[in-house]
N, C-alpha and C. Protein backbone atom coordinates (compact mmCIF):
# COMPACT_ATOMS: atom_id res chain seq x y z
N MET A 1 0.82 -1.17 -0.01
CA MET A 1 0.00 -0.01 0.00
C MET A 1 0.88 1.23 0.01
N GLU A 2 0.53 2.09 -0.86
CA GLU A 2 1.25 3.35 -0.91
C GLU A 2 0.42 4.45 -0.28
N SER A 3 1.06 5.28 0.50
CA SER A 3 0.35 6.39 1.06
C SER A 3 0.87 7.64 0.38
N SER A 4 -0.06 8.48 0.04
CA SER A 4 0.38 9.71 -0.64
C SER A 4 0.53 10.79 0.42
N THR A 5 1.75 11.08 0.77
CA THR A 5 2.04 12.12 1.74
C THR A 5 2.76 13.24 1.03
N SER A 6 2.34 14.38 1.31
CA SER A 6 3.03 15.54 0.73
C SER A 6 3.61 16.33 1.91
N PRO A 7 4.78 16.91 1.73
CA PRO A 7 5.36 17.67 2.84
C PRO A 7 4.50 18.88 3.19
N ILE A 8 4.40 19.11 4.50
CA ILE A 8 3.59 20.24 5.00
C ILE A 8 4.50 21.46 5.03
N PRO A 9 4.04 22.58 4.52
CA PRO A 9 4.84 23.79 4.56
C PRO A 9 5.17 24.16 6.01
N TRP A 10 6.37 24.67 6.25
CA TRP A 10 6.81 24.93 7.61
C TRP A 10 5.96 25.97 8.33
N ASN A 11 5.37 26.92 7.60
CA ASN A 11 4.59 27.94 8.28
C ASN A 11 3.20 27.48 8.64
N GLU A 12 2.81 26.29 8.26
CA GLU A 12 1.52 25.74 8.67
C GLU A 12 1.63 24.82 9.92
N THR A 13 2.84 24.51 10.33
CA THR A 13 3.02 23.71 11.54
C THR A 13 2.92 24.59 12.77
N PRO A 14 2.63 24.02 13.92
CA PRO A 14 2.53 24.84 15.15
C PRO A 14 3.87 25.55 15.45
N LEU A 15 4.99 24.86 15.25
CA LEU A 15 6.29 25.50 15.48
C LEU A 15 6.51 26.65 14.50
N GLY A 16 6.15 26.46 13.27
CA GLY A 16 6.33 27.51 12.28
C GLY A 16 5.49 28.71 12.57
N GLN A 17 4.26 28.50 13.04
CA GLN A 17 3.40 29.61 13.42
C GLN A 17 3.97 30.37 14.65
N THR A 18 4.56 29.60 15.55
CA THR A 18 5.12 30.23 16.74
C THR A 18 6.35 31.05 16.40
N ILE A 19 7.15 30.57 15.47
CA ILE A 19 8.40 31.24 15.05
C ILE A 19 8.07 32.60 14.44
N THR A 20 6.94 32.74 13.80
CA THR A 20 6.61 34.00 13.16
C THR A 20 6.36 35.10 14.22
N TYR A 21 5.98 34.70 15.42
CA TYR A 21 5.69 35.67 16.49
C TYR A 21 6.90 35.97 17.37
N LEU A 22 8.01 35.31 17.20
CA LEU A 22 9.18 35.51 18.07
C LEU A 22 9.72 36.92 17.97
N PRO A 23 9.88 37.54 16.79
CA PRO A 23 10.35 38.93 16.79
C PRO A 23 9.45 39.90 17.58
N VAL A 24 8.14 39.71 17.47
CA VAL A 24 7.22 40.58 18.21
C VAL A 24 7.37 40.36 19.70
N LEU A 25 7.49 39.10 20.11
CA LEU A 25 7.67 38.78 21.54
C LEU A 25 9.00 39.35 22.06
N GLY A 26 10.06 39.22 21.28
CA GLY A 26 11.35 39.78 21.70
C GLY A 26 11.30 41.27 21.84
N SER A 27 10.64 41.95 20.92
CA SER A 27 10.49 43.41 20.99
C SER A 27 9.68 43.81 22.24
N PHE A 28 8.60 43.06 22.49
CA PHE A 28 7.77 43.35 23.66
C PHE A 28 8.59 43.19 24.96
N LEU A 29 9.31 42.14 25.06
CA LEU A 29 10.13 41.89 26.28
C LEU A 29 11.20 42.97 26.47
N TRP A 30 11.85 43.39 25.36
CA TRP A 30 12.87 44.41 25.47
C TRP A 30 12.28 45.76 25.88
N ARG A 31 11.17 46.12 25.32
CA ARG A 31 10.51 47.38 25.67
C ARG A 31 10.04 47.34 27.13
N SER A 32 9.53 46.18 27.56
CA SER A 32 9.11 46.06 28.97
C SER A 32 10.27 46.23 29.93
N PHE A 33 11.41 45.62 29.56
CA PHE A 33 12.62 45.76 30.39
C PHE A 33 13.04 47.22 30.49
N LEU A 34 13.04 47.92 29.36
CA LEU A 34 13.43 49.34 29.36
C LEU A 34 12.48 50.16 30.20
N LEU A 35 11.21 49.89 30.10
CA LEU A 35 10.21 50.64 30.88
C LEU A 35 10.41 50.40 32.38
N ILE A 36 10.54 49.14 32.76
CA ILE A 36 10.69 48.83 34.17
C ILE A 36 11.98 49.39 34.72
N SER A 37 13.07 49.28 33.98
CA SER A 37 14.35 49.81 34.49
C SER A 37 14.29 51.31 34.56
N GLY A 38 13.60 51.99 33.62
CA GLY A 38 13.47 53.44 33.69
C GLY A 38 12.62 53.88 34.86
N VAL A 39 11.54 53.12 35.11
CA VAL A 39 10.67 53.47 36.22
C VAL A 39 11.38 53.28 37.55
N LEU A 40 12.26 52.25 37.65
CA LEU A 40 12.95 52.02 38.90
C LEU A 40 14.21 52.88 39.03
N LEU A 41 14.82 53.30 37.91
CA LEU A 41 16.07 54.02 37.96
C LEU A 41 15.86 55.47 38.45
N TYR A 42 14.83 56.13 38.05
CA TYR A 42 14.66 57.53 38.40
C TYR A 42 14.37 57.70 39.91
N PRO A 43 13.55 56.90 40.54
CA PRO A 43 13.39 57.08 41.99
C PRO A 43 14.66 56.77 42.77
N ILE A 44 15.41 55.79 42.32
CA ILE A 44 16.67 55.46 43.01
C ILE A 44 17.63 56.60 42.88
N THR A 45 17.67 57.24 41.71
CA THR A 45 18.57 58.41 41.53
C THR A 45 18.19 59.54 42.45
N TYR A 46 16.90 59.84 42.52
CA TYR A 46 16.46 60.95 43.38
C TYR A 46 16.65 60.61 44.86
N LEU A 47 16.44 59.38 45.26
CA LEU A 47 16.61 59.00 46.65
C LEU A 47 18.07 59.00 47.06
N SER A 48 18.96 58.72 46.14
CA SER A 48 20.39 58.72 46.48
C SER A 48 20.85 60.15 46.80
N ALA A 49 20.23 61.15 46.15
CA ALA A 49 20.57 62.54 46.46
C ALA A 49 20.01 62.92 47.83
N LEU A 50 18.89 62.32 48.23
CA LEU A 50 18.30 62.65 49.52
C LEU A 50 18.87 61.88 50.67
N LYS A 51 19.51 60.71 50.38
CA LYS A 51 19.93 59.88 51.50
C LYS A 51 21.14 60.41 52.25
N VAL A 52 21.93 61.26 51.65
CA VAL A 52 23.09 61.78 52.36
C VAL A 52 22.68 62.56 53.59
N PRO A 53 21.75 63.46 53.53
CA PRO A 53 21.35 64.16 54.78
C PRO A 53 20.64 63.21 55.74
N LEU A 54 19.94 62.21 55.24
CA LEU A 54 19.23 61.29 56.15
C LEU A 54 20.20 60.37 56.90
N LEU A 55 21.32 60.04 56.27
CA LEU A 55 22.28 59.12 56.87
C LEU A 55 23.31 59.81 57.74
N ALA A 56 23.39 61.11 57.74
CA ALA A 56 24.39 61.83 58.52
C ALA A 56 24.28 61.56 59.99
N PRO A 57 23.13 61.50 60.63
CA PRO A 57 23.07 61.25 62.07
C PRO A 57 23.54 59.83 62.44
N ILE A 58 23.47 58.90 61.51
CA ILE A 58 23.91 57.54 61.81
C ILE A 58 25.39 57.52 62.12
N SER A 59 26.19 58.28 61.42
CA SER A 59 27.64 58.27 61.70
C SER A 59 27.90 58.87 63.08
N ILE A 60 27.14 59.82 63.51
CA ILE A 60 27.32 60.39 64.83
C ILE A 60 26.99 59.34 65.89
N PHE A 61 25.88 58.62 65.73
CA PHE A 61 25.50 57.57 66.69
C PHE A 61 26.55 56.48 66.71
N LEU A 62 27.07 56.10 65.57
CA LEU A 62 28.13 55.09 65.54
C LEU A 62 29.35 55.54 66.28
N TYR A 63 29.73 56.77 66.15
CA TYR A 63 30.89 57.31 66.86
C TYR A 63 30.65 57.31 68.35
N VAL A 64 29.45 57.68 68.81
CA VAL A 64 29.17 57.73 70.25
C VAL A 64 29.13 56.33 70.83
N PHE A 65 28.54 55.38 70.10
CA PHE A 65 28.37 54.04 70.63
C PHE A 65 29.52 53.09 70.28
N ALA A 66 30.59 53.60 69.72
CA ALA A 66 31.71 52.76 69.29
C ALA A 66 32.29 51.93 70.45
N PRO A 67 32.47 52.48 71.65
CA PRO A 67 33.01 51.66 72.73
C PRO A 67 32.09 50.46 73.07
N PHE A 68 30.82 50.72 73.10
CA PHE A 68 29.85 49.65 73.39
C PHE A 68 29.87 48.59 72.28
N LEU A 69 29.95 49.07 71.04
CA LEU A 69 29.97 48.11 69.91
C LEU A 69 31.24 47.26 69.94
N VAL A 70 32.37 47.87 70.27
CA VAL A 70 33.61 47.11 70.34
C VAL A 70 33.55 46.11 71.48
N PHE A 71 33.04 46.55 72.65
CA PHE A 71 32.91 45.64 73.79
C PHE A 71 31.99 44.47 73.45
N THR A 72 30.86 44.76 72.79
CA THR A 72 29.92 43.71 72.42
C THR A 72 30.60 42.75 71.44
N ARG A 73 31.37 43.26 70.51
CA ARG A 73 32.05 42.41 69.54
C ARG A 73 33.05 41.49 70.24
N ILE A 74 33.80 41.99 71.22
CA ILE A 74 34.76 41.18 71.95
C ILE A 74 34.03 40.09 72.77
N ILE A 75 32.95 40.45 73.44
CA ILE A 75 32.18 39.50 74.25
C ILE A 75 31.61 38.40 73.31
N LEU A 76 31.06 38.81 72.18
CA LEU A 76 30.52 37.82 71.24
C LEU A 76 31.61 36.90 70.72
N ASP A 77 32.81 37.46 70.43
CA ASP A 77 33.93 36.64 69.99
C ASP A 77 34.34 35.62 71.05
N LEU A 78 34.38 36.08 72.29
CA LEU A 78 34.81 35.16 73.39
C LEU A 78 33.79 34.10 73.70
N PHE A 79 32.51 34.46 73.77
CA PHE A 79 31.51 33.55 74.30
C PHE A 79 30.61 32.87 73.25
N VAL A 80 30.64 33.37 72.01
CA VAL A 80 29.79 32.77 70.98
C VAL A 80 30.58 32.24 69.81
N PHE A 81 31.31 33.13 69.13
CA PHE A 81 31.94 32.74 67.89
C PHE A 81 33.09 31.76 68.08
N THR A 82 33.96 31.97 69.08
CA THR A 82 35.07 31.07 69.30
C THR A 82 34.63 29.68 69.74
N PRO A 83 33.71 29.56 70.72
CA PRO A 83 33.22 28.20 71.04
C PRO A 83 32.53 27.52 69.87
N TYR A 84 31.79 28.27 69.10
CA TYR A 84 31.12 27.70 67.94
C TYR A 84 32.15 27.19 66.94
N SER A 85 33.17 27.99 66.65
CA SER A 85 34.22 27.56 65.71
C SER A 85 34.94 26.34 66.22
N THR A 86 35.22 26.28 67.53
CA THR A 86 35.86 25.12 68.10
C THR A 86 34.98 23.88 67.98
N PHE A 87 33.72 24.02 68.28
CA PHE A 87 32.77 22.91 68.15
C PHE A 87 32.69 22.40 66.72
N VAL A 88 32.62 23.31 65.75
CA VAL A 88 32.52 22.89 64.34
C VAL A 88 33.82 22.18 63.93
N TYR A 89 34.97 22.65 64.40
CA TYR A 89 36.24 22.03 64.08
C TYR A 89 36.30 20.58 64.65
N LEU A 90 35.88 20.43 65.91
CA LEU A 90 35.87 19.10 66.53
C LEU A 90 34.92 18.15 65.86
N VAL A 91 33.77 18.65 65.50
CA VAL A 91 32.77 17.82 64.83
C VAL A 91 33.33 17.35 63.45
N ASP A 92 33.99 18.28 62.74
CA ASP A 92 34.62 17.87 61.48
C ASP A 92 35.72 16.87 61.67
N ALA A 93 36.49 16.98 62.77
CA ALA A 93 37.56 16.04 63.01
C ALA A 93 37.05 14.66 63.43
N ILE A 94 35.94 14.62 64.19
CA ILE A 94 35.43 13.38 64.71
C ILE A 94 34.46 12.70 63.73
N TYR A 95 34.07 13.36 62.69
CA TYR A 95 33.06 12.83 61.76
C TYR A 95 33.42 11.44 61.21
N PRO A 96 34.68 11.19 60.79
CA PRO A 96 34.95 9.83 60.27
C PRO A 96 34.77 8.73 61.34
N VAL A 97 35.17 9.02 62.57
CA VAL A 97 34.97 8.06 63.65
C VAL A 97 33.50 7.83 63.89
N TYR A 98 32.72 8.87 63.89
CA TYR A 98 31.29 8.79 64.08
C TYR A 98 30.62 7.92 63.00
N VAL A 99 31.01 8.13 61.75
CA VAL A 99 30.45 7.36 60.64
C VAL A 99 30.90 5.90 60.76
N PHE A 100 32.16 5.64 61.12
CA PHE A 100 32.64 4.27 61.26
C PHE A 100 31.85 3.53 62.36
N CYS A 101 31.68 4.19 63.51
CA CYS A 101 30.93 3.52 64.60
C CYS A 101 29.46 3.32 64.24
N GLY A 102 28.88 4.25 63.53
CA GLY A 102 27.49 4.11 63.11
C GLY A 102 27.34 2.94 62.16
N VAL A 103 28.23 2.82 61.18
CA VAL A 103 28.18 1.72 60.24
C VAL A 103 28.40 0.38 60.98
N ALA A 104 29.32 0.36 61.94
CA ALA A 104 29.58 -0.85 62.71
C ALA A 104 28.33 -1.26 63.52
N CYS A 105 27.65 -0.29 64.11
CA CYS A 105 26.45 -0.61 64.88
C CYS A 105 25.33 -1.13 63.96
N ILE A 106 25.15 -0.52 62.81
CA ILE A 106 24.13 -0.97 61.90
C ILE A 106 24.44 -2.37 61.37
N THR A 107 25.70 -2.61 61.07
CA THR A 107 26.11 -3.95 60.62
C THR A 107 25.89 -4.97 61.71
N GLY A 108 26.22 -4.62 62.92
CA GLY A 108 26.00 -5.55 64.07
C GLY A 108 24.55 -5.88 64.26
N VAL A 109 23.69 -4.88 64.13
CA VAL A 109 22.25 -5.13 64.29
C VAL A 109 21.76 -6.07 63.18
N LEU A 110 22.18 -5.81 61.96
CA LEU A 110 21.76 -6.65 60.82
C LEU A 110 22.26 -8.08 60.98
N MET A 111 23.53 -8.24 61.34
CA MET A 111 24.09 -9.58 61.52
C MET A 111 23.40 -10.31 62.69
N GLY A 112 23.14 -9.59 63.78
CA GLY A 112 22.48 -10.24 64.93
C GLY A 112 21.08 -10.67 64.57
N THR A 113 20.36 -9.82 63.85
CA THR A 113 18.99 -10.17 63.45
C THR A 113 19.00 -11.38 62.52
N LEU A 114 19.92 -11.36 61.56
CA LEU A 114 20.03 -12.50 60.66
C LEU A 114 20.40 -13.78 61.39
N GLY A 115 21.36 -13.68 62.34
CA GLY A 115 21.72 -14.85 63.16
C GLY A 115 20.58 -15.37 63.96
N ARG A 116 19.77 -14.46 64.52
CA ARG A 116 18.62 -14.88 65.32
C ARG A 116 17.61 -15.65 64.43
N PHE A 117 17.33 -15.11 63.26
CA PHE A 117 16.40 -15.81 62.38
C PHE A 117 16.92 -17.14 61.92
N LEU A 118 18.22 -17.23 61.64
CA LEU A 118 18.80 -18.50 61.20
C LEU A 118 18.77 -19.50 62.39
N ALA A 119 19.03 -19.05 63.59
CA ALA A 119 18.99 -19.95 64.75
C ALA A 119 17.58 -20.42 64.99
N GLN A 120 16.58 -19.55 64.87
CA GLN A 120 15.20 -19.96 65.04
C GLN A 120 14.80 -20.98 63.96
N TRP A 121 15.21 -20.72 62.75
CA TRP A 121 14.88 -21.64 61.65
C TRP A 121 15.53 -23.01 61.89
N ALA A 122 16.82 -23.00 62.25
CA ALA A 122 17.50 -24.27 62.50
C ALA A 122 16.86 -25.01 63.66
N THR A 123 16.50 -24.30 64.71
CA THR A 123 15.80 -24.92 65.84
C THR A 123 14.48 -25.51 65.43
N MET A 124 13.77 -24.78 64.61
CA MET A 124 12.45 -25.25 64.18
C MET A 124 12.62 -26.51 63.30
N VAL A 125 13.62 -26.53 62.45
CA VAL A 125 13.86 -27.70 61.60
C VAL A 125 14.22 -28.89 62.46
N VAL A 126 15.17 -28.70 63.39
CA VAL A 126 15.64 -29.81 64.22
C VAL A 126 14.50 -30.28 65.16
N MET A 127 13.81 -29.35 65.78
CA MET A 127 12.73 -29.73 66.67
C MET A 127 11.57 -30.38 65.88
N GLY A 128 11.34 -29.92 64.66
CA GLY A 128 10.33 -30.54 63.88
C GLY A 128 10.66 -31.95 63.57
N LEU A 129 11.91 -32.26 63.25
CA LEU A 129 12.32 -33.63 62.99
C LEU A 129 12.22 -34.46 64.29
N THR A 130 12.61 -33.85 65.42
CA THR A 130 12.54 -34.54 66.69
C THR A 130 11.09 -34.83 67.02
N ASP A 131 10.18 -33.90 66.79
CA ASP A 131 8.75 -34.10 67.06
C ASP A 131 8.23 -35.21 66.21
N GLN A 132 8.61 -35.25 64.93
CA GLN A 132 8.15 -36.33 64.08
C GLN A 132 8.65 -37.69 64.59
N LYS A 133 9.90 -37.72 65.05
CA LYS A 133 10.47 -38.96 65.57
C LYS A 133 9.71 -39.39 66.85
N LYS A 134 9.38 -38.40 67.71
CA LYS A 134 8.65 -38.70 68.93
C LYS A 134 7.26 -39.24 68.61
N GLU A 135 6.62 -38.66 67.62
CA GLU A 135 5.28 -39.13 67.25
C GLU A 135 5.35 -40.56 66.69
N ALA A 136 6.37 -40.83 65.90
CA ALA A 136 6.54 -42.19 65.35
C ALA A 136 6.78 -43.18 66.48
N ASP A 137 7.64 -42.81 67.44
CA ASP A 137 7.93 -43.70 68.58
C ASP A 137 6.67 -43.93 69.42
N GLN A 138 5.89 -42.84 69.64
CA GLN A 138 4.68 -42.99 70.42
C GLN A 138 3.65 -43.87 69.71
N GLU A 139 3.60 -43.76 68.41
CA GLU A 139 2.66 -44.60 67.64
C GLU A 139 3.06 -46.05 67.74
N SER A 140 4.35 -46.36 67.60
CA SER A 140 4.78 -47.76 67.69
C SER A 140 4.58 -48.28 69.10
N TYR A 141 4.76 -47.44 70.13
CA TYR A 141 4.55 -47.87 71.49
C TYR A 141 3.09 -48.20 71.74
N ARG A 142 2.18 -47.35 71.19
CA ARG A 142 0.76 -47.60 71.31
C ARG A 142 0.37 -48.93 70.68
N GLU A 143 0.95 -49.20 69.52
CA GLU A 143 0.64 -50.47 68.84
C GLU A 143 1.14 -51.64 69.68
N GLU A 144 2.29 -51.51 70.30
CA GLU A 144 2.79 -52.59 71.15
C GLU A 144 1.89 -52.81 72.36
N ILE A 145 1.41 -51.72 72.95
CA ILE A 145 0.57 -51.80 74.13
C ILE A 145 -0.77 -52.43 73.74
N GLU A 146 -1.35 -52.02 72.63
CA GLU A 146 -2.63 -52.60 72.23
C GLU A 146 -2.49 -54.06 71.87
N GLY A 147 -1.38 -54.49 71.32
CA GLY A 147 -1.17 -55.91 70.96
C GLY A 147 -0.97 -56.78 72.16
N ALA A 148 -0.45 -56.22 73.24
CA ALA A 148 -0.16 -57.02 74.39
C ALA A 148 -1.08 -56.68 75.55
N LYS A 149 -2.35 -56.64 75.29
CA LYS A 149 -3.31 -56.32 76.37
C LYS A 149 -3.41 -57.53 77.28
N VAL A 150 -3.38 -57.27 78.52
CA VAL A 150 -3.52 -58.30 79.52
C VAL A 150 -4.80 -57.99 80.32
N GLU A 151 -5.63 -59.01 80.43
CA GLU A 151 -6.87 -58.82 81.15
C GLU A 151 -6.68 -59.34 82.57
N TYR A 152 -7.13 -58.57 83.49
CA TYR A 152 -7.06 -58.96 84.92
C TYR A 152 -8.48 -59.23 85.40
N GLY A 153 -8.61 -60.16 86.22
CA GLY A 153 -9.90 -60.40 86.85
C GLY A 153 -10.62 -61.56 86.19
N PRO A 154 -11.80 -61.92 86.73
CA PRO A 154 -12.56 -63.12 86.27
C PRO A 154 -13.06 -63.01 84.89
């Protein structure tokens, strides 16, 4: 069977129709970017001229509170940052030992559990054979007893 297929023109496919709109989309995105950057750029420019007088009192407060800030920085270094850095260093140094012991514990638990199940299975197999042997012995004993009944009395 022959099928008559003719090639579809590229502009009739969905991709071809989409490609025709790409220049318009690119132009729209570029103009939107310029508009947004222009809208944001002008207020930032005007605020930067105004911020110098607004930020002037901050430098005065920083100068006045400098001793307190330095004291706070020293106290934080002594009681927070240095112990934290020491703790992080020790944890990094002990990490391989921690991982080794963790893996050893997990392996021990798995091997112990497996050993327990194997021991229970072996016990069940051995006891099952022993129970079968006991039942066979009891059956033969019953047969012997029934065959050798002795009657007492008149």
